[in-house]
Each structure stands twice: as structure tokens, then as C-alpha cells.
Amino acid sequence: MKTAPDGGHHGISFLILEREMPGYEVARSLEKLGWHSSDTAELSFTEVEVPDENLLGPEHGGFYLIMANFQWERLLMALGAVGAMRRLLSVTIDYARGREAFGRPIGRFGAIRHKLAEVGVKLETSRALTYHALREFVRPERERREAIARGDWGHPAIAAGLREVTMAKLHTQRAAVEVADECLQIHGGYGYMTEYGIERALRDLRLGPIGGGTDEIMKEILGKRLGL
């Protein structure tokens, strides 16, 4: 929350709020396109009194903690997208081998083989970029933790791997949606049914280009890293 109204992003602090605090209220649950197993709700805070010991991290240092957390979140999203694409490719290859049309498996048709070949390329480029970003990010992890602990927000370790992580997040999330859509197309009408789980993958993965920073934010970060 804002703890220094005129401090801009330097005036944000993290506070731990507990459910039983007076004024804390779950206003309403929200229905979503995907991620149905993850509860999402509007929270209401009306004159909630928060004790000093519920301050998380340094006062007015919340923005930097958010930025540090975003790096891990975006990396995890990229890794998750790579795993999802790998699973989708495997399931769809099995389906293409077993599903027959005109007397032979649909995987024997060039149109299907070419689609799966492109999916394979998206998977491997996503994996390579994500693993590279992970290596660049974790290399100075100890220095990063120490810098955060002492509030040295200008330390180079804080922003280590920022460009690579941003690229990985941007590329993998859109690629995963495209892969899920292509795999659903290969499954045809079966893919549209809940029985096969492909439609759920498409719904769940669609959050990727939005959550953890939208595609547009990722491009803005990368544009600034290019000196623009």
C-alpha cells in the first residue's frame, strides 16, 4: 500500500493483513475463463489497522520487492509454459498416431506433420530461451539476496537477467497459447470437448500473455533496454 503519498514508487510498502482484522472483507468471488482451481476474489479494506510488526521488508521498499518477485514469477511462468507445450506436443502426437482418416493415421498426412513440426520448433526455441534466462538470473542469486537485505537497490545483481527473463516470458506465453490452439485444431471436434483436456489447456494458458506483466509491458521493458 502507499505509505508515503508523495513518494511515487518509492512510497509503497508491503503489509501483512490477516483475515480476522476488522475491516478486512472478501467482497465477492470472480469467475474466470480459466484457472478455475485458483480462487480469485475482490477484497475490501475499510479502515483496517495494521500493527508495525506486520510490515514486510523495509518501509517504502515494496516496489523493489515487487520487481524482484516479478523476475521469479516470470521465470516460473516461462518454465511452466515450456512444460505445457511439451505435454501438449506429446499428447497430440499420440492422438495423431492413433486417429485414422481415409484409412490411415492422420499423422501420416503432411498437413498434420507440418503443424506438429512447427509446434516442435516453438517448444525448442522456448526451452532454449527460458533455460538461458534461468542461468543468467540465478548466477548472482546470493548477491541479489544480500543486496535486498541491506536495501542496496542499485546493486547490479538486482537487475541481473532482466532482459533474458523478460524475453523468455514474452516469447513463451504467446507461443504456449499458439501451441495449445494448434493442438486443439489437430484434435478437431474432440479437442473442443472437455474429455481430452486440450480445451482446458488453451483456456488456462491464455492467462500467460496477461499475468505477471502483459505482453505490452514486456515489450516496453525490452524497448527501454535497447536504449529507446
C-alpha atoms as a PDB file:
ATOM      1  CA  MET A   1       0.000   0.000   0.000  1.00  0.00           C
ATOM      2  CA  LYS A   2       1.006   3.661  -0.271  1.00  0.00           C
ATOM      3  CA  THR A   3       2.849   4.632   2.901  1.00  0.00           C
ATOM      4  CA  ALA A   4       4.300   7.875   1.540  1.00  0.00           C
ATOM      5  CA  PRO A   5       1.610   9.560  -0.600  1.00  0.00           C
ATOM      6  CA  ASP A   6       4.092  11.809  -2.425  1.00  0.00           C
ATOM      7  CA  GLY A   7       6.836   9.229  -2.774  1.00  0.00           C
ATOM      8  CA  GLY A   8       5.807   7.762  -6.119  1.00  0.00           C
ATOM      9  CA  HIS A   9       7.004   4.172  -6.486  1.00  0.00           C
ATOM     10  CA  HIS A  10       9.388   4.859  -3.582  1.00  0.00           C
ATOM     11  CA  GLY A  11       6.417   5.230  -1.242  1.00  0.00           C
ATOM     12  CA  ILE A  12       4.995   1.692  -1.430  1.00  0.00           C
ATOM     13  CA  SER A  13       5.263  -0.769   1.461  1.00  0.00           C
ATOM     14  CA  PHE A  14       4.284  -4.421   1.891  1.00  0.00           C
ATOM     15  CA  LEU A  15       1.920  -5.147   4.763  1.00  0.00           C
ATOM     16  CA  ILE A  16       0.629  -8.496   6.023  1.00  0.00           C
ATOM     17  CA  LEU A  17      -3.131  -8.366   6.544  1.00  0.00           C
ATOM     18  CA  GLU A  18      -4.894 -11.109   8.424  1.00  0.00           C
ATOM     19  CA  ARG A  19      -8.405 -12.307   7.644  1.00  0.00           C
ATOM     20  CA  GLU A  20      -9.739 -11.619  11.151  1.00  0.00           C
ATOM     21  CA  MET A  21      -8.691  -7.958  11.116  1.00  0.00           C
ATOM     22  CA  PRO A  22     -11.709  -5.604  11.426  1.00  0.00           C
ATOM     23  CA  GLY A  23     -12.445  -4.025   8.065  1.00  0.00           C
ATOM     24  CA  TYR A  24     -10.984  -6.910   6.021  1.00  0.00           C
ATOM     25  CA  GLU A  25     -13.691  -8.371   3.790  1.00  0.00           C
ATOM     26  CA  VAL A  26     -13.947 -10.686   0.791  1.00  0.00           C
ATOM     27  CA  ALA A  27     -16.322  -8.635  -1.329  1.00  0.00           C
ATOM     28  CA  ARG A  28     -17.168 -11.231  -3.978  1.00  0.00           C
ATOM     29  CA  SER A  29     -15.720 -14.187  -5.850  1.00  0.00           C
ATOM     30  CA  LEU A  30     -14.847 -13.727  -9.517  1.00  0.00           C
ATOM     31  CA  GLU A  31     -15.440 -16.194 -12.345  1.00  0.00           C
ATOM     32  CA  LYS A  32     -12.696 -16.593 -14.925  1.00  0.00           C
ATOM     33  CA  LEU A  33     -12.058 -18.032 -18.386  1.00  0.00           C
ATOM     34  CA  GLY A  34      -9.526 -20.492 -16.993  1.00  0.00           C
ATOM     35  CA  TRP A  35      -7.631 -21.363 -13.805  1.00  0.00           C
ATOM     36  CA  HIS A  36     -10.869 -22.482 -12.182  1.00  0.00           C
ATOM     37  CA  SER A  37      -8.973 -24.247  -9.385  1.00  0.00           C
ATOM     38  CA  SER A  38      -7.452 -20.922  -8.284  1.00  0.00           C
ATOM     39  CA  ASP A  39      -9.804 -18.774  -6.224  1.00  0.00           C
ATOM     40  CA  THR A  40      -9.943 -15.145  -7.304  1.00  0.00           C
ATOM     41  CA  ALA A  41     -11.926 -12.529  -5.408  1.00  0.00           C
ATOM     42  CA  GLU A  42     -12.328  -8.824  -4.768  1.00  0.00           C
ATOM     43  CA  LEU A  43     -11.003  -7.836  -1.346  1.00  0.00           C
ATOM     44  CA  SER A  44     -12.257  -4.837   0.591  1.00  0.00           C
ATOM     45  CA  PHE A  45     -10.231  -2.982   3.236  1.00  0.00           C
ATOM     46  CA  THR A  46     -12.150  -0.423   5.259  1.00  0.00           C
ATOM     47  CA  GLU A  47     -10.027   1.496   7.798  1.00  0.00           C
ATOM     48  CA  VAL A  48      -8.012  -1.629   8.611  1.00  0.00           C
ATOM     49  CA  GLU A  49      -5.474  -1.004  11.377  1.00  0.00           C
ATOM     50  CA  VAL A  50      -2.183  -2.809  10.725  1.00  0.00           C
ATOM     51  CA  PRO A  51       0.443  -3.106  13.512  1.00  0.00           C
ATOM     52  CA  ASP A  52       4.074  -2.195  12.870  1.00  0.00           C
ATOM     53  CA  GLU A  53       5.198  -5.820  13.165  1.00  0.00           C
ATOM     54  CA  ASN A  54       3.114  -6.647  10.061  1.00  0.00           C
ATOM     55  CA  LEU A  55       5.446  -4.618   7.842  1.00  0.00           C
ATOM     56  CA  LEU A  56       7.072  -6.976   5.323  1.00  0.00           C
ATOM     57  CA  GLY A  57      10.519  -5.836   4.282  1.00  0.00           C
ATOM     58  CA  PRO A  58      11.729  -2.230   4.618  1.00  0.00           C
ATOM     59  CA  GLU A  59       9.265   0.639   4.824  1.00  0.00           C
ATOM     60  CA  HIS A  60       8.755   2.291   1.416  1.00  0.00           C
ATOM     61  CA  GLY A  61      10.692  -0.596  -0.186  1.00  0.00           C
ATOM     62  CA  GLY A  62       7.697  -2.503  -1.538  1.00  0.00           C
ATOM     63  CA  PHE A  63       8.205  -1.521  -5.173  1.00  0.00           C
ATOM     64  CA  TYR A  64      11.653  -3.101  -5.265  1.00  0.00           C
ATOM     65  CA  LEU A  65      10.360  -6.268  -3.633  1.00  0.00           C
ATOM     66  CA  ILE A  66       7.618  -6.412  -6.268  1.00  0.00           C
ATOM     67  CA  MET A  67      10.191  -6.066  -9.041  1.00  0.00           C
ATOM     68  CA  ALA A  68      12.405  -8.781  -7.528  1.00  0.00           C
ATOM     69  CA  ASN A  69       9.409 -11.090  -7.175  1.00  0.00           C
ATOM     70  CA  PHE A  70       8.308 -10.400 -10.749  1.00  0.00           C
ATOM     71  CA  GLN A  71      11.570 -11.856 -12.028  1.00  0.00           C
ATOM     72  CA  TRP A  72      10.922 -15.195 -10.331  1.00  0.00           C
ATOM     73  CA  GLU A  73       7.250 -15.154 -11.281  1.00  0.00           C
ATOM     74  CA  ARG A  74       8.021 -14.554 -14.947  1.00  0.00           C
ATOM     75  CA  LEU A  75      10.678 -17.255 -14.955  1.00  0.00           C
ATOM     76  CA  LEU A  76       8.279 -19.739 -13.399  1.00  0.00           C
ATOM     77  CA  MET A  77       5.636 -18.811 -15.963  1.00  0.00           C
ATOM     78  CA  ALA A  78       8.132 -19.396 -18.771  1.00  0.00           C
ATOM     79  CA  LEU A  79       9.163 -22.763 -17.322  1.00  0.00           C
ATOM     80  CA  GLY A  80       5.516 -23.731 -16.885  1.00  0.00           C
ATOM     81  CA  ALA A  81       4.757 -22.805 -20.484  1.00  0.00           C
ATOM     82  CA  VAL A  82       7.640 -24.959 -21.712  1.00  0.00           C
ATOM     83  CA  GLY A  83       6.310 -27.904 -19.704  1.00  0.00           C
ATOM     84  CA  ALA A  84       2.791 -27.332 -21.011  1.00  0.00           C
ATOM     85  CA  MET A  85       3.984 -27.229 -24.621  1.00  0.00           C
ATOM     86  CA  ARG A  86       5.978 -30.412 -24.138  1.00  0.00           C
ATOM     87  CA  ARG A  87       2.919 -32.189 -22.738  1.00  0.00           C
ATOM     88  CA  LEU A  88       0.624 -30.862 -25.460  1.00  0.00           C
ATOM     89  CA  LEU A  89       3.022 -31.992 -28.178  1.00  0.00           C
ATOM     90  CA  SER A  90       3.310 -35.482 -26.677  1.00  0.00           C
ATOM     91  CA  VAL A  91      -0.442 -35.913 -26.277  1.00  0.00           C
ATOM     92  CA  THR A  92      -1.128 -34.636 -29.786  1.00  0.00           C
ATOM     93  CA  ILE A  93       1.488 -36.883 -31.387  1.00  0.00           C
ATOM     94  CA  ASP A  94      -0.114 -39.883 -29.680  1.00  0.00           C
ATOM     95  CA  TYR A  95      -3.514 -38.764 -30.924  1.00  0.00           C
ATOM     96  CA  ALA A  96      -2.226 -38.261 -34.489  1.00  0.00           C
ATOM     97  CA  ARG A  97      -0.779 -41.756 -34.481  1.00  0.00           C
ATOM     98  CA  GLY A  98      -3.997 -43.378 -33.298  1.00  0.00           C
ATOM     99  CA  ARG A  99      -6.675 -41.321 -35.046  1.00  0.00           C
ATOM    100  CA  GLU A 100      -7.385 -42.567 -38.563  1.00  0.00           C
ATOM    101  CA  ALA A 101      -8.978 -40.852 -41.548  1.00  0.00           C
ATOM    102  CA  PHE A 102      -9.291 -42.246 -45.068  1.00  0.00           C
ATOM    103  CA  GLY A 103      -7.723 -45.485 -43.915  1.00  0.00           C
ATOM    104  CA  ARG A 104      -4.531 -44.209 -42.313  1.00  0.00           C
ATOM    105  CA  PRO A 105      -3.404 -42.294 -39.194  1.00  0.00           C
ATOM    106  CA  ILE A 106      -3.826 -38.547 -39.557  1.00  0.00           C
ATOM    107  CA  GLY A 107      -0.172 -38.128 -38.547  1.00  0.00           C
ATOM    108  CA  ARG A 108       0.732 -39.563 -41.939  1.00  0.00           C
ATOM    109  CA  PHE A 109      -0.811 -36.567 -43.689  1.00  0.00           C
ATOM    110  CA  GLY A 110       1.604 -33.762 -44.499  1.00  0.00           C
ATOM    111  CA  ALA A 111      -0.729 -31.069 -43.215  1.00  0.00           C
ATOM    112  CA  ILE A 112      -0.693 -32.601 -39.744  1.00  0.00           C
ATOM    113  CA  ARG A 113       3.015 -33.442 -39.770  1.00  0.00           C
ATOM    114  CA  HIS A 114       3.864 -29.859 -40.688  1.00  0.00           C
ATOM    115  CA  LYS A 115       1.718 -28.468 -37.877  1.00  0.00           C
ATOM    116  CA  LEU A 116       3.448 -30.719 -35.356  1.00  0.00           C
ATOM    117  CA  ALA A 117       6.863 -29.824 -36.779  1.00  0.00           C
ATOM    118  CA  GLU A 118       6.129 -26.134 -36.131  1.00  0.00           C
ATOM    119  CA  VAL A 119       4.936 -26.951 -32.619  1.00  0.00           C
ATOM    120  CA  GLY A 120       8.220 -28.759 -32.013  1.00  0.00           C
ATOM    121  CA  VAL A 121      10.196 -25.716 -33.136  1.00  0.00           C
ATOM    122  CA  LYS A 122       8.212 -23.412 -30.824  1.00  0.00           C
ATOM    123  CA  LEU A 123       8.832 -25.790 -27.949  1.00  0.00           C
ATOM    124  CA  GLU A 124      12.591 -25.976 -28.508  1.00  0.00           C
ATOM    125  CA  THR A 125      13.097 -22.241 -29.054  1.00  0.00           C
ATOM    126  CA  SER A 126      11.036 -21.547 -25.914  1.00  0.00           C
ATOM    127  CA  ARG A 127      13.022 -24.095 -23.908  1.00  0.00           C
ATOM    128  CA  ALA A 128      16.398 -22.755 -25.040  1.00  0.00           C
ATOM    129  CA  LEU A 129      15.491 -19.125 -24.310  1.00  0.00           C
ATOM    130  CA  THR A 130      13.960 -19.963 -20.926  1.00  0.00           C
ATOM    131  CA  TYR A 131      16.888 -22.095 -19.738  1.00  0.00           C
ATOM    132  CA  HIS A 132      19.294 -19.362 -20.819  1.00  0.00           C
ATOM    133  CA  ALA A 133      17.269 -16.783 -18.869  1.00  0.00           C
ATOM    134  CA  LEU A 134      17.253 -19.052 -15.820  1.00  0.00           C
ATOM    135  CA  ARG A 135      21.040 -19.398 -15.906  1.00  0.00           C
ATOM    136  CA  GLU A 136      21.526 -15.642 -16.226  1.00  0.00           C
ATOM    137  CA  PHE A 137      19.127 -14.959 -13.354  1.00  0.00           C
ATOM    138  CA  VAL A 138      20.312 -17.490 -10.770  1.00  0.00           C
ATOM    139  CA  ARG A 139      24.050 -16.886 -11.234  1.00  0.00           C
ATOM    140  CA  PRO A 140      24.125 -13.832  -8.903  1.00  0.00           C
ATOM    141  CA  GLU A 141      21.295 -15.050  -6.622  1.00  0.00           C
ATOM    142  CA  ARG A 142      23.358 -14.832  -3.433  1.00  0.00           C
ATOM    143  CA  GLU A 143      24.428 -11.263  -4.216  1.00  0.00           C
ATOM    144  CA  ARG A 144      20.815 -10.393  -5.016  1.00  0.00           C
ATOM    145  CA  ARG A 145      19.536 -11.656  -1.666  1.00  0.00           C
ATOM    146  CA  GLU A 146      22.247  -9.778   0.192  1.00  0.00           C
ATOM    147  CA  ALA A 147      21.558  -6.567  -1.727  1.00  0.00           C
ATOM    148  CA  ILE A 148      17.829  -6.778  -0.992  1.00  0.00           C
ATOM    149  CA  ALA A 149      18.505  -7.457   2.704  1.00  0.00           C
ATOM    150  CA  ARG A 150      20.597  -4.290   3.048  1.00  0.00           C
ATOM    151  CA  GLY A 151      18.361  -2.205   0.774  1.00  0.00           C
ATOM    152  CA  ASP A 152      21.019  -1.716  -1.896  1.00  0.00           C
ATOM    153  CA  TRP A 153      18.525  -1.422  -4.749  1.00  0.00           C
ATOM    154  CA  GLY A 154      21.117  -0.111  -7.192  1.00  0.00           C
ATOM    155  CA  HIS A 155      23.268  -3.253  -6.994  1.00  0.00           C
ATOM    156  CA  PRO A 156      23.776  -4.855 -10.450  1.00  0.00           C
ATOM    157  CA  ALA A 157      22.602  -8.240  -9.124  1.00  0.00           C
ATOM    158  CA  ILE A 158      19.081  -6.847  -8.615  1.00  0.00           C
ATOM    159  CA  ALA A 159      18.525  -6.469 -12.351  1.00  0.00           C
ATOM    160  CA  ALA A 160      20.657  -9.432 -13.449  1.00  0.00           C
ATOM    161  CA  GLY A 161      18.971 -11.418 -16.190  1.00  0.00           C
ATOM    162  CA  LEU A 162      16.191  -8.836 -16.573  1.00  0.00           C
ATOM    163  CA  ARG A 163      16.441  -8.724 -20.364  1.00  0.00           C
ATOM    164  CA  GLU A 164      16.615 -12.509 -20.760  1.00  0.00           C
ATOM    165  CA  VAL A 165      13.792 -13.199 -18.296  1.00  0.00           C
ATOM    166  CA  THR A 166      11.589 -10.604 -19.986  1.00  0.00           C
ATOM    167  CA  MET A 167      12.267 -12.117 -23.400  1.00  0.00           C
ATOM    168  CA  ALA A 168      11.518 -15.618 -22.127  1.00  0.00           C
ATOM    169  CA  LYS A 169       8.256 -14.537 -20.525  1.00  0.00           C
ATOM    170  CA  LEU A 170       7.130 -12.645 -23.632  1.00  0.00           C
ATOM    171  CA  HIS A 171       8.010 -15.414 -26.076  1.00  0.00           C
ATOM    172  CA  THR A 172       6.844 -18.480 -24.163  1.00  0.00           C
ATOM    173  CA  GLN A 173       3.430 -17.242 -23.085  1.00  0.00           C
ATOM    174  CA  ARG A 174       2.248 -16.363 -26.572  1.00  0.00           C
ATOM    175  CA  ALA A 175       3.906 -19.476 -28.013  1.00  0.00           C
ATOM    176  CA  ALA A 176       2.097 -21.702 -25.495  1.00  0.00           C
ATOM    177  CA  VAL A 177      -1.279 -20.249 -26.475  1.00  0.00           C
ATOM    178  CA  GLU A 178      -0.494 -20.809 -30.156  1.00  0.00           C
ATOM    179  CA  VAL A 179       0.652 -24.379 -29.474  1.00  0.00           C
ATOM    180  CA  ALA A 180      -2.499 -25.182 -27.474  1.00  0.00           C
ATOM    181  CA  ASP A 181      -4.676 -23.755 -30.230  1.00  0.00           C
ATOM    182  CA  GLU A 182      -2.851 -25.758 -32.911  1.00  0.00           C
ATOM    183  CA  CYS A 183      -3.087 -28.961 -30.878  1.00  0.00           C
ATOM    184  CA  LEU A 184      -6.792 -28.378 -30.364  1.00  0.00           C
ATOM    185  CA  GLN A 185      -7.172 -27.917 -34.122  1.00  0.00           C
ATOM    186  CA  ILE A 186      -5.413 -31.236 -34.767  1.00  0.00           C
ATOM    187  CA  HIS A 187      -7.782 -32.950 -32.324  1.00  0.00           C
ATOM    188  CA  GLY A 188     -10.692 -31.487 -34.254  1.00  0.00           C
ATOM    189  CA  GLY A 189     -14.084 -31.800 -32.602  1.00  0.00           C
ATOM    190  CA  TYR A 190     -12.618 -33.997 -29.878  1.00  0.00           C
ATOM    191  CA  GLY A 191     -10.295 -31.160 -28.880  1.00  0.00           C
ATOM    192  CA  TYR A 192     -13.293 -28.910 -28.280  1.00  0.00           C
ATOM    193  CA  MET A 193     -14.709 -31.403 -25.769  1.00  0.00           C
ATOM    194  CA  THR A 194     -13.688 -31.297 -22.107  1.00  0.00           C
ATOM    195  CA  GLU A 195     -12.905 -35.041 -22.171  1.00  0.00           C
ATOM    196  CA  TYR A 196      -9.498 -34.577 -23.805  1.00  0.00           C
ATOM    197  CA  GLY A 197      -8.299 -31.631 -21.708  1.00  0.00           C
ATOM    198  CA  ILE A 198      -6.987 -29.705 -24.704  1.00  0.00           C
ATOM    199  CA  GLU A 199      -9.632 -27.024 -24.377  1.00  0.00           C
ATOM    200  CA  ARG A 200      -8.687 -26.549 -20.723  1.00  0.00           C
ATOM    201  CA  ALA A 201      -5.050 -26.110 -21.665  1.00  0.00           C
ATOM    202  CA  LEU A 202      -5.991 -23.378 -24.109  1.00  0.00           C
ATOM    203  CA  ARG A 203      -8.169 -21.607 -21.533  1.00  0.00           C
ATOM    204  CA  ASP A 204      -5.578 -21.833 -18.770  1.00  0.00           C
ATOM    205  CA  LEU A 205      -2.625 -20.806 -20.947  1.00  0.00           C
ATOM    206  CA  ARG A 206      -4.442 -17.708 -22.195  1.00  0.00           C
ATOM    207  CA  LEU A 207      -3.652 -16.049 -18.880  1.00  0.00           C
ATOM    208  CA  GLY A 208       0.061 -16.165 -19.709  1.00  0.00           C
ATOM    209  CA  PRO A 209       0.238 -13.102 -22.000  1.00  0.00           C
ATOM    210  CA  ILE A 210      -1.629 -11.123 -19.289  1.00  0.00           C
ATOM    211  CA  GLY A 211      -0.425 -12.364 -15.890  1.00  0.00           C
ATOM    212  CA  GLY A 212       2.918 -11.359 -14.392  1.00  0.00           C
ATOM    213  CA  GLY A 213       3.057  -8.359 -16.713  1.00  0.00           C
ATOM    214  CA  THR A 214       1.288  -8.139 -20.063  1.00  0.00           C
ATOM    215  CA  ASP A 215       2.963  -8.636 -23.427  1.00  0.00           C
ATOM    216  CA  GLU A 216       2.838  -4.873 -23.858  1.00  0.00           C
ATOM    217  CA  ILE A 217       4.722  -4.299 -20.584  1.00  0.00           C
ATOM    218  CA  MET A 218       7.339  -6.878 -21.589  1.00  0.00           C
ATOM    219  CA  LYS A 219       7.887  -5.091 -24.897  1.00  0.00           C
ATOM    220  CA  GLU A 220       8.150  -1.755 -23.103  1.00  0.00           C
ATOM    221  CA  ILE A 221      10.850  -3.141 -20.784  1.00  0.00           C
ATOM    222  CA  LEU A 222      12.770  -4.592 -23.716  1.00  0.00           C
ATOM    223  CA  GLY A 223      12.454  -1.385 -25.684  1.00  0.00           C
ATOM    224  CA  LYS A 224      13.997   0.570 -22.810  1.00  0.00           C
ATOM    225  CA  ARG A 225      16.791  -1.993 -22.517  1.00  0.00           C
ATOM    226  CA  LEU A 226      17.562  -1.193 -26.159  1.00  0.00           C
ATOM    227  CA  GLY A 227      18.046   2.439 -25.170  1.00  0.00           C
ATOM    228  CA  LEU A 228      14.789   3.688 -26.676  1.00  0.00           C
END
